[in-house]
Amino acid sequence: AAGQTVRVPPLPVPDAVATPAKPRIS
């Protein structure tokens, strides 16, 4: 809900993660 505070723990940085590319739409 608006105004709530989300605690996000330490996350791996994007460069360290193999992010799959979006499949191309024919």
mmCIF file of all heavy atoms, coordinates in Angstrom:
data_MODEL
# 
_entry.id   MODEL 
# 
loop_
_atom_site.group_PDB 
_atom_site.id 
_atom_site.type_symbol 
_atom_site.label_atom_id 
_atom_site.label_alt_id 
_atom_site.label_comp_id 
_atom_site.label_asym_id 
_atom_site.label_entity_id 
_atom_site.label_seq_id 
_atom_site.pdbx_PDB_ins_code 
_atom_site.Cartn_x 
_atom_site.Cartn_y 
_atom_site.Cartn_z 
_atom_site.occupancy 
_atom_site.B_iso_or_equiv 
_atom_site.pdbx_formal_charge 
_atom_site.auth_seq_id 
_atom_site.auth_comp_id 
_atom_site.auth_asym_id 
_atom_site.auth_atom_id 
_atom_site.pdbx_PDB_model_num 
ATOM 1   N N   . ALA A 1 1  ? 0.840  -1.193  0.000   1.00 0.00 ? 1  ALA A N   1 
ATOM 2   C CA  . ALA A 1 1  ? 0.000  0.000   0.000   1.00 0.00 ? 1  ALA A CA  1 
ATOM 3   C C   . ALA A 1 1  ? 0.876  1.243   0.000   1.00 0.00 ? 1  ALA A C   1 
ATOM 4   O O   . ALA A 1 1  ? 2.037  1.221   0.447   1.00 0.00 ? 1  ALA A O   1 
ATOM 5   C CB  . ALA A 1 1  ? -0.916 -0.001  1.224   1.00 0.00 ? 1  ALA A CB  1 
ATOM 6   N N   . ALA A 1 2  ? 0.326  2.329   -0.501  1.00 0.00 ? 2  ALA A N   1 
ATOM 7   C CA  . ALA A 1 2  ? 1.067  3.586   -0.556  1.00 0.00 ? 2  ALA A CA  1 
ATOM 8   C C   . ALA A 1 2  ? 1.499  4.004   0.844   1.00 0.00 ? 2  ALA A C   1 
ATOM 9   O O   . ALA A 1 2  ? 0.731  3.917   1.804   1.00 0.00 ? 2  ALA A O   1 
ATOM 10  C CB  . ALA A 1 2  ? 0.200  4.679   -1.185  1.00 0.00 ? 2  ALA A CB  1 
ATOM 11  N N   . GLY A 1 3  ? 2.752  4.438   0.971   1.00 0.00 ? 3  GLY A N   1 
ATOM 12  C CA  . GLY A 1 3  ? 3.267  4.901   2.249   1.00 0.00 ? 3  GLY A CA  1 
ATOM 13  C C   . GLY A 1 3  ? 3.940  3.832   3.080   1.00 0.00 ? 3  GLY A C   1 
ATOM 14  O O   . GLY A 1 3  ? 4.632  4.151   4.056   1.00 0.00 ? 3  GLY A O   1 
ATOM 15  N N   . GLN A 1 4  ? 3.757  2.554   2.739   1.00 0.00 ? 4  GLN A N   1 
ATOM 16  C CA  . GLN A 1 4  ? 4.419  1.488   3.482   1.00 0.00 ? 4  GLN A CA  1 
ATOM 17  C C   . GLN A 1 4  ? 5.915  1.500   3.175   1.00 0.00 ? 4  GLN A C   1 
ATOM 18  O O   . GLN A 1 4  ? 6.346  1.942   2.102   1.00 0.00 ? 4  GLN A O   1 
ATOM 19  C CB  . GLN A 1 4  ? 3.833  0.117   3.127   1.00 0.00 ? 4  GLN A CB  1 
ATOM 20  C CG  . GLN A 1 4  ? 2.439  -0.120  3.671   1.00 0.00 ? 4  GLN A CG  1 
ATOM 21  C CD  . GLN A 1 4  ? 1.932  -1.513  3.337   1.00 0.00 ? 4  GLN A CD  1 
ATOM 22  O OE1 . GLN A 1 4  ? 2.157  -2.032  2.253   1.00 0.00 ? 4  GLN A OE1 1 
ATOM 23  N NE2 . GLN A 1 4  ? 1.227  -2.127  4.289   1.00 0.00 ? 4  GLN A NE2 1 
ATOM 24  N N   . THR A 1 5  ? 6.693  1.004   4.127   1.00 0.00 ? 5  THR A N   1 
ATOM 25  C CA  . THR A 1 5  ? 8.140  0.931   3.944   1.00 0.00 ? 5  THR A CA  1 
ATOM 26  C C   . THR A 1 5  ? 8.563  -0.514  3.784   1.00 0.00 ? 5  THR A C   1 
ATOM 27  O O   . THR A 1 5  ? 8.257  -1.356  4.637   1.00 0.00 ? 5  THR A O   1 
ATOM 28  C CB  . THR A 1 5  ? 8.875  1.555   5.143   1.00 0.00 ? 5  THR A CB  1 
ATOM 29  O OG1 . THR A 1 5  ? 8.490  2.930   5.260   1.00 0.00 ? 5  THR A OG1 1 
ATOM 30  C CG2 . THR A 1 5  ? 10.386 1.476   4.955   1.00 0.00 ? 5  THR A CG2 1 
ATOM 31  N N   . VAL A 1 6  ? 9.247  -0.797  2.689   1.00 0.00 ? 6  VAL A N   1 
ATOM 32  C CA  . VAL A 1 6  ? 9.715  -2.156  2.398   1.00 0.00 ? 6  VAL A CA  1 
ATOM 33  C C   . VAL A 1 6  ? 11.198 -2.243  2.727   1.00 0.00 ? 6  VAL A C   1 
ATOM 34  O O   . VAL A 1 6  ? 12.002 -1.444  2.231   1.00 0.00 ? 6  VAL A O   1 
ATOM 35  C CB  . VAL A 1 6  ? 9.479  -2.520  0.928   1.00 0.00 ? 6  VAL A CB  1 
ATOM 36  C CG1 . VAL A 1 6  ? 9.957  -3.947  0.656   1.00 0.00 ? 6  VAL A CG1 1 
ATOM 37  C CG2 . VAL A 1 6  ? 8.018  -2.359  0.548   1.00 0.00 ? 6  VAL A CG2 1 
ATOM 38  N N   . ARG A 1 7  ? 11.527 -3.202  3.596   1.00 0.00 ? 7  ARG A N   1 
ATOM 39  C CA  . ARG A 1 7  ? 12.934 -3.456  3.908   1.00 0.00 ? 7  ARG A CA  1 
ATOM 40  C C   . ARG A 1 7  ? 13.471 -4.452  2.897   1.00 0.00 ? 7  ARG A C   1 
ATOM 41  O O   . ARG A 1 7  ? 13.019 -5.600  2.829   1.00 0.00 ? 7  ARG A O   1 
ATOM 42  C CB  . ARG A 1 7  ? 13.094 -4.035  5.314   1.00 0.00 ? 7  ARG A CB  1 
ATOM 43  C CG  . ARG A 1 7  ? 14.556 -4.378  5.660   1.00 0.00 ? 7  ARG A CG  1 
ATOM 44  C CD  . ARG A 1 7  ? 14.631 -5.259  6.890   1.00 0.00 ? 7  ARG A CD  1 
ATOM 45  N NE  . ARG A 1 7  ? 16.010 -5.530  7.275   1.00 0.00 ? 7  ARG A NE  1 
ATOM 46  C CZ  . ARG A 1 7  ? 16.770 -6.504  6.762   1.00 0.00 ? 7  ARG A CZ  1 
ATOM 47  N NH1 . ARG A 1 7  ? 16.282 -7.291  5.809   1.00 0.00 ? 7  ARG A NH1 1 
ATOM 48  N NH2 . ARG A 1 7  ? 18.011 -6.679  7.182   1.00 0.00 ? 7  ARG A NH2 1 
ATOM 49  N N   . VAL A 1 8  ? 14.422 -4.006  2.071   1.00 0.00 ? 8  VAL A N   1 
ATOM 50  C CA  . VAL A 1 8  ? 15.031 -4.856  1.054   1.00 0.00 ? 8  VAL A CA  1 
ATOM 51  C C   . VAL A 1 8  ? 16.425 -5.230  1.533   1.00 0.00 ? 8  VAL A C   1 
ATOM 52  O O   . VAL A 1 8  ? 17.274 -4.355  1.724   1.00 0.00 ? 8  VAL A O   1 
ATOM 53  C CB  . VAL A 1 8  ? 15.105 -4.130  -0.302  1.00 0.00 ? 8  VAL A CB  1 
ATOM 54  C CG1 . VAL A 1 8  ? 15.734 -5.045  -1.356  1.00 0.00 ? 8  VAL A CG1 1 
ATOM 55  C CG2 . VAL A 1 8  ? 13.719 -3.676  -0.748  1.00 0.00 ? 8  VAL A CG2 1 
ATOM 56  N N   . PRO A 1 9  ? 16.683 -6.517  1.745   1.00 0.00 ? 9  PRO A N   1 
ATOM 57  C CA  . PRO A 1 9  ? 18.004 -6.944  2.233   1.00 0.00 ? 9  PRO A CA  1 
ATOM 58  C C   . PRO A 1 9  ? 19.073 -6.797  1.157   1.00 0.00 ? 9  PRO A C   1 
ATOM 59  O O   . PRO A 1 9  ? 18.753 -6.480  -0.001  1.00 0.00 ? 9  PRO A O   1 
ATOM 60  C CB  . PRO A 1 9  ? 17.769 -8.414  2.589   1.00 0.00 ? 9  PRO A CB  1 
ATOM 61  C CG  . PRO A 1 9  ? 16.702 -8.850  1.645   1.00 0.00 ? 9  PRO A CG  1 
ATOM 62  C CD  . PRO A 1 9  ? 15.794 -7.660  1.480   1.00 0.00 ? 9  PRO A CD  1 
ATOM 63  N N   . PRO A 1 10 ? 20.318 -6.996  1.495   1.00 0.00 ? 10 PRO A N   1 
ATOM 64  C CA  . PRO A 1 10 ? 21.385 -6.922  0.485   1.00 0.00 ? 10 PRO A CA  1 
ATOM 65  C C   . PRO A 1 10 ? 21.100 -7.845  -0.701  1.00 0.00 ? 10 PRO A C   1 
ATOM 66  O O   . PRO A 1 10 ? 20.745 -9.012  -0.521  1.00 0.00 ? 10 PRO A O   1 
ATOM 67  C CB  . PRO A 1 10 ? 22.631 -7.372  1.256   1.00 0.00 ? 10 PRO A CB  1 
ATOM 68  C CG  . PRO A 1 10 ? 22.326 -7.018  2.684   1.00 0.00 ? 10 PRO A CG  1 
ATOM 69  C CD  . PRO A 1 10 ? 20.856 -7.265  2.853   1.00 0.00 ? 10 PRO A CD  1 
ATOM 70  N N   . LEU A 1 11 ? 21.239 -7.316  -1.895  1.00 0.00 ? 11 LEU A N   1 
ATOM 71  C CA  . LEU A 1 11 ? 20.977 -8.064  -3.121  1.00 0.00 ? 11 LEU A CA  1 
ATOM 72  C C   . LEU A 1 11 ? 22.211 -8.051  -3.999  1.00 0.00 ? 11 LEU A C   1 
ATOM 73  O O   . LEU A 1 11 ? 23.007 -7.111  -3.947  1.00 0.00 ? 11 LEU A O   1 
ATOM 74  C CB  . LEU A 1 11 ? 19.809 -7.431  -3.896  1.00 0.00 ? 11 LEU A CB  1 
ATOM 75  C CG  . LEU A 1 11 ? 18.457 -7.377  -3.192  1.00 0.00 ? 11 LEU A CG  1 
ATOM 76  C CD1 . LEU A 1 11 ? 17.467 -6.564  -4.033  1.00 0.00 ? 11 LEU A CD1 1 
ATOM 77  C CD2 . LEU A 1 11 ? 17.908 -8.778  -2.948  1.00 0.00 ? 11 LEU A CD2 1 
ATOM 78  N N   . PRO A 1 12 ? 22.383 -9.090  -4.812  1.00 0.00 ? 12 PRO A N   1 
ATOM 79  C CA  . PRO A 1 12 ? 23.516 -9.078  -5.744  1.00 0.00 ? 12 PRO A CA  1 
ATOM 80  C C   . PRO A 1 12 ? 23.354 -7.948  -6.742  1.00 0.00 ? 12 PRO A C   1 
ATOM 81  O O   . PRO A 1 12 ? 22.240 -7.600  -7.134  1.00 0.00 ? 12 PRO A O   1 
ATOM 82  C CB  . PRO A 1 12 ? 23.423 -10.448 -6.430  1.00 0.00 ? 12 PRO A CB  1 
ATOM 83  C CG  . PRO A 1 12 ? 21.995 -10.858 -6.270  1.00 0.00 ? 12 PRO A CG  1 
ATOM 84  C CD  . PRO A 1 12 ? 21.554 -10.302 -4.955  1.00 0.00 ? 12 PRO A CD  1 
ATOM 85  N N   . VAL A 1 13 ? 24.465 -7.342  -7.143  1.00 0.00 ? 13 VAL A N   1 
ATOM 86  C CA  . VAL A 1 13 ? 24.392 -6.260  -8.120  1.00 0.00 ? 13 VAL A CA  1 
ATOM 87  C C   . VAL A 1 13 ? 24.082 -6.856  -9.488  1.00 0.00 ? 13 VAL A C   1 
ATOM 88  O O   . VAL A 1 13 ? 24.442 -8.005  -9.769  1.00 0.00 ? 13 VAL A O   1 
ATOM 89  C CB  . VAL A 1 13 ? 25.716 -5.462  -8.157  1.00 0.00 ? 13 VAL A CB  1 
ATOM 90  C CG1 . VAL A 1 13 ? 25.957 -4.772  -6.837  1.00 0.00 ? 13 VAL A CG1 1 
ATOM 91  C CG2 . VAL A 1 13 ? 26.887 -6.371  -8.509  1.00 0.00 ? 13 VAL A CG2 1 
ATOM 92  N N   . PRO A 1 14 ? 23.401 -6.100  -10.350 1.00 0.00 ? 14 PRO A N   1 
ATOM 93  C CA  . PRO A 1 14 ? 22.972 -6.650  -11.649 1.00 0.00 ? 14 PRO A CA  1 
ATOM 94  C C   . PRO A 1 14 ? 24.107 -7.235  -12.478 1.00 0.00 ? 14 PRO A C   1 
ATOM 95  O O   . PRO A 1 14 ? 23.929 -8.252  -13.130 1.00 0.00 ? 14 PRO A O   1 
ATOM 96  C CB  . PRO A 1 14 ? 22.345 -5.441  -12.342 1.00 0.00 ? 14 PRO A CB  1 
ATOM 97  C CG  . PRO A 1 14 ? 21.909 -4.547  -11.216 1.00 0.00 ? 14 PRO A CG  1 
ATOM 98  C CD  . PRO A 1 14 ? 22.922 -4.743  -10.133 1.00 0.00 ? 14 PRO A CD  1 
ATOM 99  N N   . ASP A 1 15 ? 25.276 -6.593  -12.461 1.00 0.00 ? 15 ASP A N   1 
ATOM 100 C CA  . ASP A 1 15 ? 26.382 -7.070  -13.297 1.00 0.00 ? 15 ASP A CA  1 
ATOM 101 C C   . ASP A 1 15 ? 26.849 -8.457  -12.898 1.00 0.00 ? 15 ASP A C   1 
ATOM 102 O O   . ASP A 1 15 ? 27.476 -9.164  -13.675 1.00 0.00 ? 15 ASP A O   1 
ATOM 103 C CB  . ASP A 1 15 ? 27.563 -6.099  -13.215 1.00 0.00 ? 15 ASP A CB  1 
ATOM 104 C CG  . ASP A 1 15 ? 27.240 -4.780  -13.895 1.00 0.00 ? 15 ASP A CG  1 
ATOM 105 O OD1 . ASP A 1 15 ? 26.282 -4.747  -14.691 1.00 0.00 ? 15 ASP A OD1 1 
ATOM 106 O OD2 . ASP A 1 15 ? 27.940 -3.789  -13.610 1.00 0.00 ? 15 ASP A OD2 1 
ATOM 107 N N   . ALA A 1 16 ? 26.562 -8.843  -11.643 1.00 0.00 ? 16 ALA A N   1 
ATOM 108 C CA  . ALA A 1 16 ? 27.027 -10.139 -11.159 1.00 0.00 ? 16 ALA A CA  1 
ATOM 109 C C   . ALA A 1 16 ? 26.026 -11.249 -11.438 1.00 0.00 ? 16 ALA A C   1 
ATOM 110 O O   . ALA A 1 16 ? 26.243 -12.389 -11.114 1.00 0.00 ? 16 ALA A O   1 
ATOM 111 C CB  . ALA A 1 16 ? 27.295 -10.069 -9.656  1.00 0.00 ? 16 ALA A CB  1 
ATOM 112 N N   . VAL A 1 17 ? 24.909 -10.880 -12.031 1.00 0.00 ? 17 VAL A N   1 
ATOM 113 C CA  . VAL A 1 17 ? 23.851 -11.857 -12.271 1.00 0.00 ? 17 VAL A CA  1 
ATOM 114 C C   . VAL A 1 17 ? 23.619 -11.994 -13.762 1.00 0.00 ? 17 VAL A C   1 
ATOM 115 O O   . VAL A 1 17 ? 23.573 -11.001 -14.490 1.00 0.00 ? 17 VAL A O   1 
ATOM 116 C CB  . VAL A 1 17 ? 22.537 -11.410 -11.585 1.00 0.00 ? 17 VAL A CB  1 
ATOM 117 C CG1 . VAL A 1 17 ? 21.424 -12.414 -11.861 1.00 0.00 ? 17 VAL A CG1 1 
ATOM 118 C CG2 . VAL A 1 17 ? 22.745 -11.245 -10.089 1.00 0.00 ? 17 VAL A CG2 1 
ATOM 119 N N   . ALA A 1 18 ? 23.480 -13.205 -14.222 1.00 0.00 ? 18 ALA A N   1 
ATOM 120 C CA  . ALA A 1 18 ? 23.175 -13.438 -15.630 1.00 0.00 ? 18 ALA A CA  1 
ATOM 121 C C   . ALA A 1 18 ? 21.685 -13.227 -15.849 1.00 0.00 ? 18 ALA A C   1 
ATOM 122 O O   . ALA A 1 18 ? 20.883 -14.080 -15.512 1.00 0.00 ? 18 ALA A O   1 
ATOM 123 C CB  . ALA A 1 18 ? 23.578 -14.860 -16.036 1.00 0.00 ? 18 ALA A CB  1 
ATOM 124 N N   . THR A 1 19 ? 21.307 -12.062 -16.346 1.00 0.00 ? 19 THR A N   1 
ATOM 125 C CA  . THR A 1 19 ? 19.909 -11.755 -16.569 1.00 0.00 ? 19 THR A CA  1 
ATOM 126 C C   . THR A 1 19 ? 19.509 -12.223 -17.958 1.00 0.00 ? 19 THR A C   1 
ATOM 127 O O   . THR A 1 19 ? 20.071 -11.763 -18.954 1.00 0.00 ? 19 THR A O   1 
ATOM 128 C CB  . THR A 1 19 ? 19.661 -10.234 -16.455 1.00 0.00 ? 19 THR A CB  1 
ATOM 129 O OG1 . THR A 1 19 ? 20.137 -9.793  -15.188 1.00 0.00 ? 19 THR A OG1 1 
ATOM 130 C CG2 . THR A 1 19 ? 18.198 -9.911  -16.618 1.00 0.00 ? 19 THR A CG2 1 
ATOM 131 N N   . PRO A 1 20 ? 18.549 -13.144 -18.045 1.00 0.00 ? 20 PRO A N   1 
ATOM 132 C CA  . PRO A 1 20 ? 18.166 -13.644 -19.365 1.00 0.00 ? 20 PRO A CA  1 
ATOM 133 C C   . PRO A 1 20 ? 17.545 -12.542 -20.213 1.00 0.00 ? 20 PRO A C   1 
ATOM 134 O O   . PRO A 1 20 ? 16.780 -11.721 -19.720 1.00 0.00 ? 20 PRO A O   1 
ATOM 135 C CB  . PRO A 1 20 ? 17.133 -14.740 -19.036 1.00 0.00 ? 20 PRO A CB  1 
ATOM 136 C CG  . PRO A 1 20 ? 16.621 -14.402 -17.680 1.00 0.00 ? 20 PRO A CG  1 
ATOM 137 C CD  . PRO A 1 20 ? 17.759 -13.747 -16.964 1.00 0.00 ? 20 PRO A CD  1 
ATOM 138 N N   . ALA A 1 21 ? 17.903 -12.523 -21.480 1.00 0.00 ? 21 ALA A N   1 
ATOM 139 C CA  . ALA A 1 21 ? 17.336 -11.531 -22.381 1.00 0.00 ? 21 ALA A CA  1 
ATOM 140 C C   . ALA A 1 21 ? 15.881 -11.881 -22.694 1.00 0.00 ? 21 ALA A C   1 
ATOM 141 O O   . ALA A 1 21 ? 15.500 -13.048 -22.721 1.00 0.00 ? 21 ALA A O   1 
ATOM 142 C CB  . ALA A 1 21 ? 18.145 -11.493 -23.678 1.00 0.00 ? 21 ALA A CB  1 
ATOM 143 N N   . LYS A 1 22 ? 15.068 -10.846 -22.905 1.00 0.00 ? 22 LYS A N   1 
ATOM 144 C CA  . LYS A 1 22 ? 13.686 -11.084 -23.264 1.00 0.00 ? 22 LYS A CA  1 
ATOM 145 C C   . LYS A 1 22 ? 13.625 -11.754 -24.636 1.00 0.00 ? 22 LYS A C   1 
ATOM 146 O O   . LYS A 1 22 ? 14.332 -11.354 -25.557 1.00 0.00 ? 22 LYS A O   1 
ATOM 147 C CB  . LYS A 1 22 ? 12.916 -9.764  -23.314 1.00 0.00 ? 22 LYS A CB  1 
ATOM 148 C CG  . LYS A 1 22 ? 12.648 -9.155  -21.956 1.00 0.00 ? 22 LYS A CG  1 
ATOM 149 C CD  . LYS A 1 22 ? 11.764 -7.912  -22.099 1.00 0.00 ? 22 LYS A CD  1 
ATOM 150 C CE  . LYS A 1 22 ? 11.441 -7.331  -20.732 1.00 0.00 ? 22 LYS A CE  1 
ATOM 151 N NZ  . LYS A 1 22 ? 10.573 -6.121  -20.845 1.00 0.00 ? 22 LYS A NZ  1 
ATOM 152 N N   . PRO A 1 23 ? 12.800 -12.793 -24.764 1.00 0.00 ? 23 PRO A N   1 
ATOM 153 C CA  . PRO A 1 23 ? 12.702 -13.445 -26.068 1.00 0.00 ? 23 PRO A CA  1 
ATOM 154 C C   . PRO A 1 23 ? 12.142 -12.479 -27.107 1.00 0.00 ? 23 PRO A C   1 
ATOM 155 O O   . PRO A 1 23 ? 11.253 -11.682 -26.817 1.00 0.00 ? 23 PRO A O   1 
ATOM 156 C CB  . PRO A 1 23 ? 11.739 -14.618 -25.806 1.00 0.00 ? 23 PRO A CB  1 
ATOM 157 C CG  . PRO A 1 23 ? 10.989 -14.237 -24.573 1.00 0.00 ? 23 PRO A CG  1 
ATOM 158 C CD  . PRO A 1 23 ? 11.927 -13.419 -23.756 1.00 0.00 ? 23 PRO A CD  1 
ATOM 159 N N   . ARG A 1 24 ? 12.668 -12.560 -28.299 1.00 0.00 ? 24 ARG A N   1 
ATOM 160 C CA  . ARG A 1 24 ? 12.217 -11.685 -29.371 1.00 0.00 ? 24 ARG A CA  1 
ATOM 161 C C   . ARG A 1 24 ? 10.844 -12.132 -29.860 1.00 0.00 ? 24 ARG A C   1 
ATOM 162 O O   . ARG A 1 24 ? 10.583 -13.325 -30.014 1.00 0.00 ? 24 ARG A O   1 
ATOM 163 C CB  . ARG A 1 24 ? 13.221 -11.716 -30.525 1.00 0.00 ? 24 ARG A CB  1 
ATOM 164 C CG  . ARG A 1 24 ? 12.837 -10.842 -31.708 1.00 0.00 ? 24 ARG A CG  1 
ATOM 165 C CD  . ARG A 1 24 ? 13.857 -10.961 -32.825 1.00 0.00 ? 24 ARG A CD  1 
ATOM 166 N NE  . ARG A 1 24 ? 13.430 -10.221 -34.002 1.00 0.00 ? 24 ARG A NE  1 
ATOM 167 C CZ  . ARG A 1 24 ? 12.598 -10.708 -34.934 1.00 0.00 ? 24 ARG A CZ  1 
ATOM 168 N NH1 . ARG A 1 24 ? 12.139 -11.946 -34.789 1.00 0.00 ? 24 ARG A NH1 1 
ATOM 169 N NH2 . ARG A 1 24 ? 12.263 -9.982  -35.976 1.00 0.00 ? 24 ARG A NH2 1 
ATOM 170 N N   . ILE A 1 25 ? 9.961  -11.164 -30.078 1.00 0.00 ? 25 ILE A N   1 
ATOM 171 C CA  . ILE A 1 25 ? 8.619  -11.456 -30.583 1.00 0.00 ? 25 ILE A CA  1 
ATOM 172 C C   . ILE A 1 25 ? 8.673  -11.452 -32.106 1.00 0.00 ? 25 ILE A C   1 
ATOM 173 O O   . ILE A 1 25 ? 9.113  -10.461 -32.719 1.00 0.00 ? 25 ILE A O   1 
ATOM 174 C CB  . ILE A 1 25 ? 7.603  -10.425 -30.079 1.00 0.00 ? 25 ILE A CB  1 
ATOM 175 C CG1 . ILE A 1 25 ? 7.559  -10.421 -28.549 1.00 0.00 ? 25 ILE A CG1 1 
ATOM 176 C CG2 . ILE A 1 25 ? 6.216  -10.716 -30.640 1.00 0.00 ? 25 ILE A CG2 1 
ATOM 177 C CD1 . ILE A 1 25 ? 6.697  -9.320  -27.964 1.00 0.00 ? 25 ILE A CD1 1 
ATOM 178 N N   . SER A 1 26 ? 8.256  -12.520 -32.716 1.00 0.00 ? 26 SER A N   1 
ATOM 179 C CA  . SER A 1 26 ? 8.282  -12.595 -34.172 1.00 0.00 ? 26 SER A CA  1 
ATOM 180 C C   . SER A 1 26 ? 7.247  -11.635 -34.756 1.00 0.00 ? 26 SER A C   1 
ATOM 181 O O   . SER A 1 26 ? 6.282  -11.249 -34.093 1.00 0.00 ? 26 SER A O   1 
ATOM 182 C CB  . SER A 1 26 ? 7.983  -14.025 -34.643 1.00 0.00 ? 26 SER A CB  1 
ATOM 183 O OG  . SER A 1 26 ? 6.626  -14.352 -34.385 1.00 0.00 ? 26 SER A OG  1 
# 
